[in-house]
Amino acid sequence: MARRITYKFKNQPREINFAKDKYHDMYQAIAAAEGIDLKNYLKMEQQIAMTSKGSAAVRNFRDEEFSRMGFSDVYFIKE
């Protein structure tokens, strides 16, 4: 079953389809929709996950990096 994601990219509202078999999570899907390469981000996220004791550090890193890239208000749309 396909889901939908709503988000803002540089204060422009956007909406895309999301399929779990194509992307690992919704953040990878929105980055792909905007043409952003996540190679360096994913390497750093993996390093943080290996060195931190909880998921809060990874979540904080993700939120900060995606807001720096211009994303905000990222949500799944409930149908």
PDB file of N, CA and C in Angstrom:
ATOM      1  N   MET A   1       0.834  -1.179   0.000  1.00  0.00           N
ATOM      2  CA  MET A   1       0.000   0.000   0.000  1.00  0.00           C
ATOM      3  C   MET A   1       0.878   1.242   0.000  1.00  0.00           C
ATOM      4  N   ALA A   2       0.639   2.130  -0.913  1.00  0.00           N
ATOM      5  CA  ALA A   2       1.405   3.364  -1.002  1.00  0.00           C
ATOM      6  C   ALA A   2       0.867   4.379   0.004  1.00  0.00           C
ATOM      7  N   ARG A   3       1.767   5.146   0.552  1.00  0.00           N
ATOM      8  CA  ARG A   3       1.404   6.219   1.463  1.00  0.00           C
ATOM      9  C   ARG A   3       1.757   7.541   0.810  1.00  0.00           C
ATOM     10  N   ARG A   4       1.373   8.621   1.452  1.00  0.00           N
ATOM     11  CA  ARG A   4       1.700   9.949   0.954  1.00  0.00           C
ATOM     12  C   ARG A   4       2.456  10.705   2.040  1.00  0.00           C
ATOM     13  N   ILE A   5       3.376  11.546   1.603  1.00  0.00           N
ATOM     14  CA  ILE A   5       4.163  12.374   2.510  1.00  0.00           C
ATOM     15  C   ILE A   5       3.930  13.827   2.128  1.00  0.00           C
ATOM     16  N   THR A   6       3.713  14.658   3.121  1.00  0.00           N
ATOM     17  CA  THR A   6       3.634  16.092   2.903  1.00  0.00           C
ATOM     18  C   THR A   6       4.815  16.741   3.605  1.00  0.00           C
ATOM     19  N   TYR A   7       5.386  17.756   2.986  1.00  0.00           N
ATOM     20  CA  TYR A   7       6.539  18.455   3.548  1.00  0.00           C
ATOM     21  C   TYR A   7       6.678  19.814   2.895  1.00  0.00           C
ATOM     22  N   LYS A   8       7.530  20.634   3.465  1.00  0.00           N
ATOM     23  CA  LYS A   8       7.870  21.916   2.860  1.00  0.00           C
ATOM     24  C   LYS A   8       9.345  21.884   2.500  1.00  0.00           C
ATOM     25  N   PHE A   9       9.650  22.330   1.302  1.00  0.00           N
ATOM     26  CA  PHE A   9      11.034  22.448   0.862  1.00  0.00           C
ATOM     27  C   PHE A   9      11.257  23.904   0.488  1.00  0.00           C
ATOM     28  N   LYS A  10      12.094  24.563   1.273  1.00  0.00           N
ATOM     29  CA  LYS A  10      12.344  26.002   1.113  1.00  0.00           C
ATOM     30  C   LYS A  10      11.029  26.771   1.123  1.00  0.00           C
ATOM     31  N   ASN A  11      10.192  26.438   2.118  1.00  0.00           N
ATOM     32  CA  ASN A  11       8.888  27.065   2.375  1.00  0.00           C
ATOM     33  C   ASN A  11       7.866  26.868   1.262  1.00  0.00           C
ATOM     34  N   GLN A  12       8.085  25.920   0.377  1.00  0.00           N
ATOM     35  CA  GLN A  12       7.122  25.572  -0.661  1.00  0.00           C
ATOM     36  C   GLN A  12       6.479  24.232  -0.290  1.00  0.00           C
ATOM     37  N   PRO A  13       5.163  24.192  -0.080  1.00  0.00           N
ATOM     38  CA  PRO A  13       4.526  22.919   0.281  1.00  0.00           C
ATOM     39  C   PRO A  13       4.595  21.919  -0.874  1.00  0.00           C
ATOM     40  N   ARG A  14       4.901  20.669  -0.509  1.00  0.00           N
ATOM     41  CA  ARG A  14       5.001  19.586  -1.498  1.00  0.00           C
ATOM     42  C   ARG A  14       4.307  18.354  -0.949  1.00  0.00           C
ATOM     43  N   GLU A  15       3.960  17.450  -1.846  1.00  0.00           N
ATOM     44  CA  GLU A  15       3.346  16.189  -1.455  1.00  0.00           C
ATOM     45  C   GLU A  15       3.799  15.124  -2.448  1.00  0.00           C
ATOM     46  N   ILE A  16       4.251  13.968  -1.929  1.00  0.00           N
ATOM     47  CA  ILE A  16       4.728  12.885  -2.788  1.00  0.00           C
ATOM     48  C   ILE A  16       4.175  11.547  -2.304  1.00  0.00           C
ATOM     49  N   ASN A  17       4.268  10.547  -3.168  1.00  0.00           N
ATOM     50  CA  ASN A  17       3.924   9.173  -2.794  1.00  0.00           C
ATOM     51  C   ASN A  17       5.131   8.523  -2.135  1.00  0.00           C
ATOM     52  N   PHE A  18       4.874   7.576  -1.251  1.00  0.00           N
ATOM     53  CA  PHE A  18       5.931   6.852  -0.561  1.00  0.00           C
ATOM     54  C   PHE A  18       5.611   5.372  -0.576  1.00  0.00           C
ATOM     55  N   ALA A  19       6.582   4.582  -1.011  1.00  0.00           N
ATOM     56  CA  ALA A  19       6.452   3.123  -0.979  1.00  0.00           C
ATOM     57  C   ALA A  19       7.651   2.564  -0.216  1.00  0.00           C
ATOM     58  N   LYS A  20       7.390   1.748   0.778  1.00  0.00           N
ATOM     59  CA  LYS A  20       8.437   1.203   1.645  1.00  0.00           C
ATOM     60  C   LYS A  20       9.441   0.345   0.868  1.00  0.00           C
ATOM     61  N   ASP A  21       9.034  -0.263  -0.230  1.00  0.00           N
ATOM     62  CA  ASP A  21       9.955  -1.108  -0.988  1.00  0.00           C
ATOM     63  C   ASP A  21      10.960  -0.290  -1.800  1.00  0.00           C
ATOM     64  N   LYS A  22      10.700   0.981  -1.998  1.00  0.00           N
ATOM     65  CA  LYS A  22      11.598   1.823  -2.791  1.00  0.00           C
ATOM     66  C   LYS A  22      12.560   2.627  -1.922  1.00  0.00           C
ATOM     67  N   TYR A  23      12.098   3.114  -0.778  1.00  0.00           N
ATOM     68  CA  TYR A  23      12.925   3.941   0.119  1.00  0.00           C
ATOM     69  C   TYR A  23      12.903   3.383   1.526  1.00  0.00           C
ATOM     70  N   HIS A  24      14.011   3.594   2.228  1.00  0.00           N
ATOM     71  CA  HIS A  24      14.139   3.103   3.599  1.00  0.00           C
ATOM     72  C   HIS A  24      13.220   3.870   4.556  1.00  0.00           C
ATOM     73  N   ASP A  25      13.165   5.180   4.408  1.00  0.00           N
ATOM     74  CA  ASP A  25      12.296   5.998   5.247  1.00  0.00           C
ATOM     75  C   ASP A  25      11.822   7.219   4.470  1.00  0.00           C
ATOM     76  N   MET A  26      10.959   7.998   5.102  1.00  0.00           N
ATOM     77  CA  MET A  26      10.372   9.128   4.389  1.00  0.00           C
ATOM     78  C   MET A  26      11.391  10.221   4.087  1.00  0.00           C
ATOM     79  N   TYR A  27      12.439  10.312   4.875  1.00  0.00           N
ATOM     80  CA  TYR A  27      13.457  11.335   4.624  1.00  0.00           C
ATOM     81  C   TYR A  27      14.257  11.030   3.359  1.00  0.00           C
ATOM     82  N   GLN A  28      14.539   9.776   3.122  1.00  0.00           N
ATOM     83  CA  GLN A  28      15.216   9.416   1.876  1.00  0.00           C
ATOM     84  C   GLN A  28      14.312   9.663   0.675  1.00  0.00           C
ATOM     85  N   ALA A  29      13.023   9.462   0.844  1.00  0.00           N
ATOM     86  CA  ALA A  29      12.074   9.689  -0.246  1.00  0.00           C
ATOM     87  C   ALA A  29      11.982  11.170  -0.604  1.00  0.00           C
ATOM     88  N   ILE A  30      11.921  12.039   0.394  1.00  0.00           N
ATOM     89  CA  ILE A  30      11.803  13.466   0.079  1.00  0.00           C
ATOM     90  C   ILE A  30      13.104  14.017  -0.495  1.00  0.00           C
ATOM     91  N   ALA A  31      14.233  13.488  -0.039  1.00  0.00           N
ATOM     92  CA  ALA A  31      15.516  13.918  -0.609  1.00  0.00           C
ATOM     93  C   ALA A  31      15.616  13.496  -2.065  1.00  0.00           C
ATOM     94  N   ALA A  32      15.176  12.292  -2.382  1.00  0.00           N
ATOM     95  CA  ALA A  32      15.201  11.813  -3.766  1.00  0.00           C
ATOM     96  C   ALA A  32      14.259  12.647  -4.637  1.00  0.00           C
ATOM     97  N   ALA A  33      13.117  13.023  -4.088  1.00  0.00           N
ATOM     98  CA  ALA A  33      12.160  13.832  -4.847  1.00  0.00           C
ATOM     99  C   ALA A  33      12.734  15.200  -5.197  1.00  0.00           C
ATOM    100  N   GLU A  34      13.601  15.720  -4.350  1.00  0.00           N
ATOM    101  CA  GLU A  34      14.210  17.030  -4.596  1.00  0.00           C
ATOM    102  C   GLU A  34      15.579  16.928  -5.254  1.00  0.00           C
ATOM    103  N   GLY A  35      16.047  15.708  -5.506  1.00  0.00           N
ATOM    104  CA  GLY A  35      17.326  15.520  -6.192  1.00  0.00           C
ATOM    105  C   GLY A  35      18.544  15.754  -5.316  1.00  0.00           C
ATOM    106  N   ILE A  36      18.430  15.504  -4.027  1.00  0.00           N
ATOM    107  CA  ILE A  36      19.538  15.719  -3.090  1.00  0.00           C
ATOM    108  C   ILE A  36      20.258  14.404  -2.844  1.00  0.00           C
ATOM    109  N   ASP A  37      21.588  14.431  -2.971  1.00  0.00           N
ATOM    110  CA  ASP A  37      22.422  13.255  -2.740  1.00  0.00           C
ATOM    111  C   ASP A  37      22.675  13.101  -1.236  1.00  0.00           C
ATOM    112  N   LEU A  38      22.371  11.934  -0.692  1.00  0.00           N
ATOM    113  CA  LEU A  38      22.496  11.701   0.746  1.00  0.00           C
ATOM    114  C   LEU A  38      23.677  10.818   1.136  1.00  0.00           C
ATOM    115  N   LYS A  39      24.645  10.602   0.249  1.00  0.00           N
ATOM    116  CA  LYS A  39      25.758   9.695   0.561  1.00  0.00           C
ATOM    117  C   LYS A  39      26.493  10.123   1.824  1.00  0.00           C
ATOM    118  N   ASN A  40      26.912  11.367   1.908  1.00  0.00           N
ATOM    119  CA  ASN A  40      27.657  11.835   3.080  1.00  0.00           C
ATOM    120  C   ASN A  40      26.785  11.852   4.331  1.00  0.00           C
ATOM    121  N   TYR A  41      25.535  12.235   4.177  1.00  0.00           N
ATOM    122  CA  TYR A  41      24.607  12.245   5.302  1.00  0.00           C
ATOM    123  C   TYR A  41      24.442  10.840   5.872  1.00  0.00           C
ATOM    124  N   LEU A  42      24.247   9.842   5.003  1.00  0.00           N
ATOM    125  CA  LEU A  42      24.041   8.469   5.465  1.00  0.00           C
ATOM    126  C   LEU A  42      25.278   7.901   6.152  1.00  0.00           C
ATOM    127  N   LYS A  43      26.474   8.259   5.668  1.00  0.00           N
ATOM    128  CA  LYS A  43      27.707   7.820   6.331  1.00  0.00           C
ATOM    129  C   LYS A  43      27.796   8.397   7.734  1.00  0.00           C
ATOM    130  N   MET A  44      27.510   9.687   7.869  1.00  0.00           N
ATOM    131  CA  MET A  44      27.581  10.330   9.182  1.00  0.00           C
ATOM    132  C   MET A  44      26.499   9.790  10.115  1.00  0.00           C
ATOM    133  N   GLU A  45      25.314   9.551   9.589  1.00  0.00           N
ATOM    134  CA  GLU A  45      24.233   8.987  10.400  1.00  0.00           C
ATOM    135  C   GLU A  45      24.626   7.611  10.937  1.00  0.00           C
ATOM    136  N   GLN A  46      25.266   6.805  10.104  1.00  0.00           N
ATOM    137  CA  GLN A  46      25.708   5.483  10.532  1.00  0.00           C
ATOM    138  C   GLN A  46      26.768   5.589  11.625  1.00  0.00           C
ATOM    139  N   GLN A  47      27.692   6.519  11.494  1.00  0.00           N
ATOM    140  CA  GLN A  47      28.726   6.712  12.515  1.00  0.00           C
ATOM    141  C   GLN A  47      28.105   7.157  13.830  1.00  0.00           C
ATOM    142  N   ILE A  48      27.141   8.049  13.772  1.00  0.00           N
ATOM    143  CA  ILE A  48      26.474   8.509  14.994  1.00  0.00           C
ATOM    144  C   ILE A  48      25.717   7.369  15.642  1.00  0.00           C
ATOM    145  N   ALA A  49      25.051   6.554  14.848  1.00  0.00           N
ATOM    146  CA  ALA A  49      24.299   5.415  15.387  1.00  0.00           C
ATOM    147  C   ALA A  49      25.228   4.416  16.076  1.00  0.00           C
ATOM    148  N   MET A  50      26.432   4.235  15.530  1.00  0.00           N
ATOM    149  CA  MET A  50      27.370   3.274  16.128  1.00  0.00           C
ATOM    150  C   MET A  50      27.990   3.802  17.414  1.00  0.00           C
ATOM    151  N   THR A  51      28.139   5.107  17.538  1.00  0.00           N
ATOM    152  CA  THR A  51      28.824   5.659  18.703  1.00  0.00           C
ATOM    153  C   THR A  51      27.891   6.160  19.794  1.00  0.00           C
ATOM    154  N   SER A  52      26.630   6.389  19.492  1.00  0.00           N
ATOM    155  CA  SER A  52      25.714   6.908  20.503  1.00  0.00           C
ATOM    156  C   SER A  52      25.006   5.762  21.212  1.00  0.00           C
ATOM    157  N   LYS A  53      24.504   6.060  22.400  1.00  0.00           N
ATOM    158  CA  LYS A  53      23.849   5.030  23.197  1.00  0.00           C
ATOM    159  C   LYS A  53      22.347   4.966  22.971  1.00  0.00           C
ATOM    160  N   GLY A  54      21.783   5.949  22.322  1.00  0.00           N
ATOM    161  CA  GLY A  54      20.340   5.948  22.087  1.00  0.00           C
ATOM    162  C   GLY A  54      20.006   6.481  20.709  1.00  0.00           C
ATOM    163  N   SER A  55      18.741   6.423  20.396  1.00  0.00           N
ATOM    164  CA  SER A  55      18.314   6.888  19.078  1.00  0.00           C
ATOM    165  C   SER A  55      18.114   8.392  19.044  1.00  0.00           C
ATOM    166  N   ALA A  56      18.152   9.055  20.181  1.00  0.00           N
ATOM    167  CA  ALA A  56      17.927  10.508  20.218  1.00  0.00           C
ATOM    168  C   ALA A  56      19.011  11.262  19.460  1.00  0.00           C
ATOM    169  N   ALA A  57      20.248  10.808  19.526  1.00  0.00           N
ATOM    170  CA  ALA A  57      21.342  11.487  18.830  1.00  0.00           C
ATOM    171  C   ALA A  57      21.150  11.404  17.321  1.00  0.00           C
ATOM    172  N   VAL A  58      20.739  10.256  16.837  1.00  0.00           N
ATOM    173  CA  VAL A  58      20.501  10.079  15.401  1.00  0.00           C
ATOM    174  C   VAL A  58      19.326  10.940  14.959  1.00  0.00           C
ATOM    175  N   ARG A  59      18.276  10.951  15.743  1.00  0.00           N
ATOM    176  CA  ARG A  59      17.089  11.752  15.418  1.00  0.00           C
ATOM    177  C   ARG A  59      17.412  13.243  15.404  1.00  0.00           C
ATOM    178  N   ASN A  60      18.177  13.704  16.392  1.00  0.00           N
ATOM    179  CA  ASN A  60      18.572  15.113  16.429  1.00  0.00           C
ATOM    180  C   ASN A  60      19.436  15.478  15.234  1.00  0.00           C
ATOM    181  N   PHE A  61      20.380  14.604  14.881  1.00  0.00           N
ATOM    182  CA  PHE A  61      21.231  14.848  13.717  1.00  0.00           C
ATOM    183  C   PHE A  61      20.384  14.932  12.453  1.00  0.00           C
ATOM    184  N   ARG A  62      19.460  13.983  12.285  1.00  0.00           N
ATOM    185  CA  ARG A  62      18.593  13.970  11.107  1.00  0.00           C
ATOM    186  C   ARG A  62      17.763  15.244  11.020  1.00  0.00           C
ATOM    187  N   ASP A  63      17.151  15.634  12.125  1.00  0.00           N
ATOM    188  CA  ASP A  63      16.316  16.837  12.117  1.00  0.00           C
ATOM    189  C   ASP A  63      17.122  18.082  11.777  1.00  0.00           C
ATOM    190  N   GLU A  64      18.311  18.215  12.348  1.00  0.00           N
ATOM    191  CA  GLU A  64      19.151  19.378  12.071  1.00  0.00           C
ATOM    192  C   GLU A  64      19.630  19.410  10.625  1.00  0.00           C
ATOM    193  N   GLU A  65      20.053  18.276  10.105  1.00  0.00           N
ATOM    194  CA  GLU A  65      20.570  18.234   8.737  1.00  0.00           C
ATOM    195  C   GLU A  65      19.470  18.512   7.712  1.00  0.00           C
ATOM    196  N   PHE A  66      18.303  17.934   7.922  1.00  0.00           N
ATOM    197  CA  PHE A  66      17.236  18.160   6.952  1.00  0.00           C
ATOM    198  C   PHE A  66      16.697  19.583   7.033  1.00  0.00           C
ATOM    199  N   SER A  67      16.696  20.183   8.200  1.00  0.00           N
ATOM    200  CA  SER A  67      16.290  21.588   8.271  1.00  0.00           C
ATOM    201  C   SER A  67      17.349  22.477   7.616  1.00  0.00           C
ATOM    202  N   ARG A  68      18.622  22.098   7.734  1.00  0.00           N
ATOM    203  CA  ARG A  68      19.691  22.842   7.073  1.00  0.00           C
ATOM    204  C   ARG A  68      19.571  22.745   5.552  1.00  0.00           C
ATOM    205  N   MET A  69      19.104  21.595   5.056  1.00  0.00           N
ATOM    206  CA  MET A  69      18.914  21.401   3.617  1.00  0.00           C
ATOM    207  C   MET A  69      17.695  22.153   3.086  1.00  0.00           C
ATOM    208  N   GLY A  70      16.809  22.612   3.979  1.00  0.00           N
ATOM    209  CA  GLY A  70      15.640  23.376   3.552  1.00  0.00           C
ATOM    210  C   GLY A  70      14.316  22.675   3.745  1.00  0.00           C
ATOM    211  N   PHE A  71      14.313  21.515   4.412  1.00  0.00           N
ATOM    212  CA  PHE A  71      13.077  20.770   4.634  1.00  0.00           C
ATOM    213  C   PHE A  71      12.457  21.145   5.971  1.00  0.00           C
ATOM    214  N   SER A  72      11.138  21.137   6.011  1.00  0.00           N
ATOM    215  CA  SER A  72      10.424  21.333   7.276  1.00  0.00           C
ATOM    216  C   SER A  72       9.052  20.676   7.180  1.00  0.00           C
ATOM    217  N   ASP A  73       8.407  20.517   8.303  1.00  0.00           N
ATOM    218  CA  ASP A  73       7.046  19.971   8.390  1.00  0.00           C
ATOM    219  C   ASP A  73       6.877  18.672   7.603  1.00  0.00           C
ATOM    220  N   VAL A  74       7.715  17.685   7.890  1.00  0.00           N
ATOM    221  CA  VAL A  74       7.675  16.403   7.190  1.00  0.00           C
ATOM    222  C   VAL A  74       6.736  15.459   7.949  1.00  0.00           C
ATOM    223  N   TYR A  75       5.673  15.003   7.259  1.00  0.00           N
ATOM    224  CA  TYR A  75       4.674  14.144   7.898  1.00  0.00           C
ATOM    225  C   TYR A  75       4.118  13.136   6.907  1.00  0.00           C
ATOM    226  N   PHE A  76       3.724  11.965   7.430  1.00  0.00           N
ATOM    227  CA  PHE A  76       2.922  11.034   6.643  1.00  0.00           C
ATOM    228  C   PHE A  76       1.489  11.548   6.677  1.00  0.00           C
ATOM    229  N   ILE A  77       0.782  11.398   5.578  1.00  0.00           N
ATOM    230  CA  ILE A  77      -0.629  11.760   5.526  1.00  0.00           C
ATOM    231  C   ILE A  77      -1.437  10.528   5.884  1.00  0.00           C
ATOM    232  N   LYS A  78      -2.277  10.662   6.900  1.00  0.00           N
ATOM    233  CA  LYS A  78      -3.137   9.545   7.305  1.00  0.00           C
ATOM    234  C   LYS A  78      -4.363   9.530   6.419  1.00  0.00           C
ATOM    235  N   GLU A  79      -4.636   8.359   5.880  1.00  0.00           N
ATOM    236  CA  GLU A  79      -5.797   8.222   4.991  1.00  0.00           C
ATOM    237  C   GLU A  79      -6.829   7.326   5.621  1.00  0.00           C
TER     238      GLU A  79
END
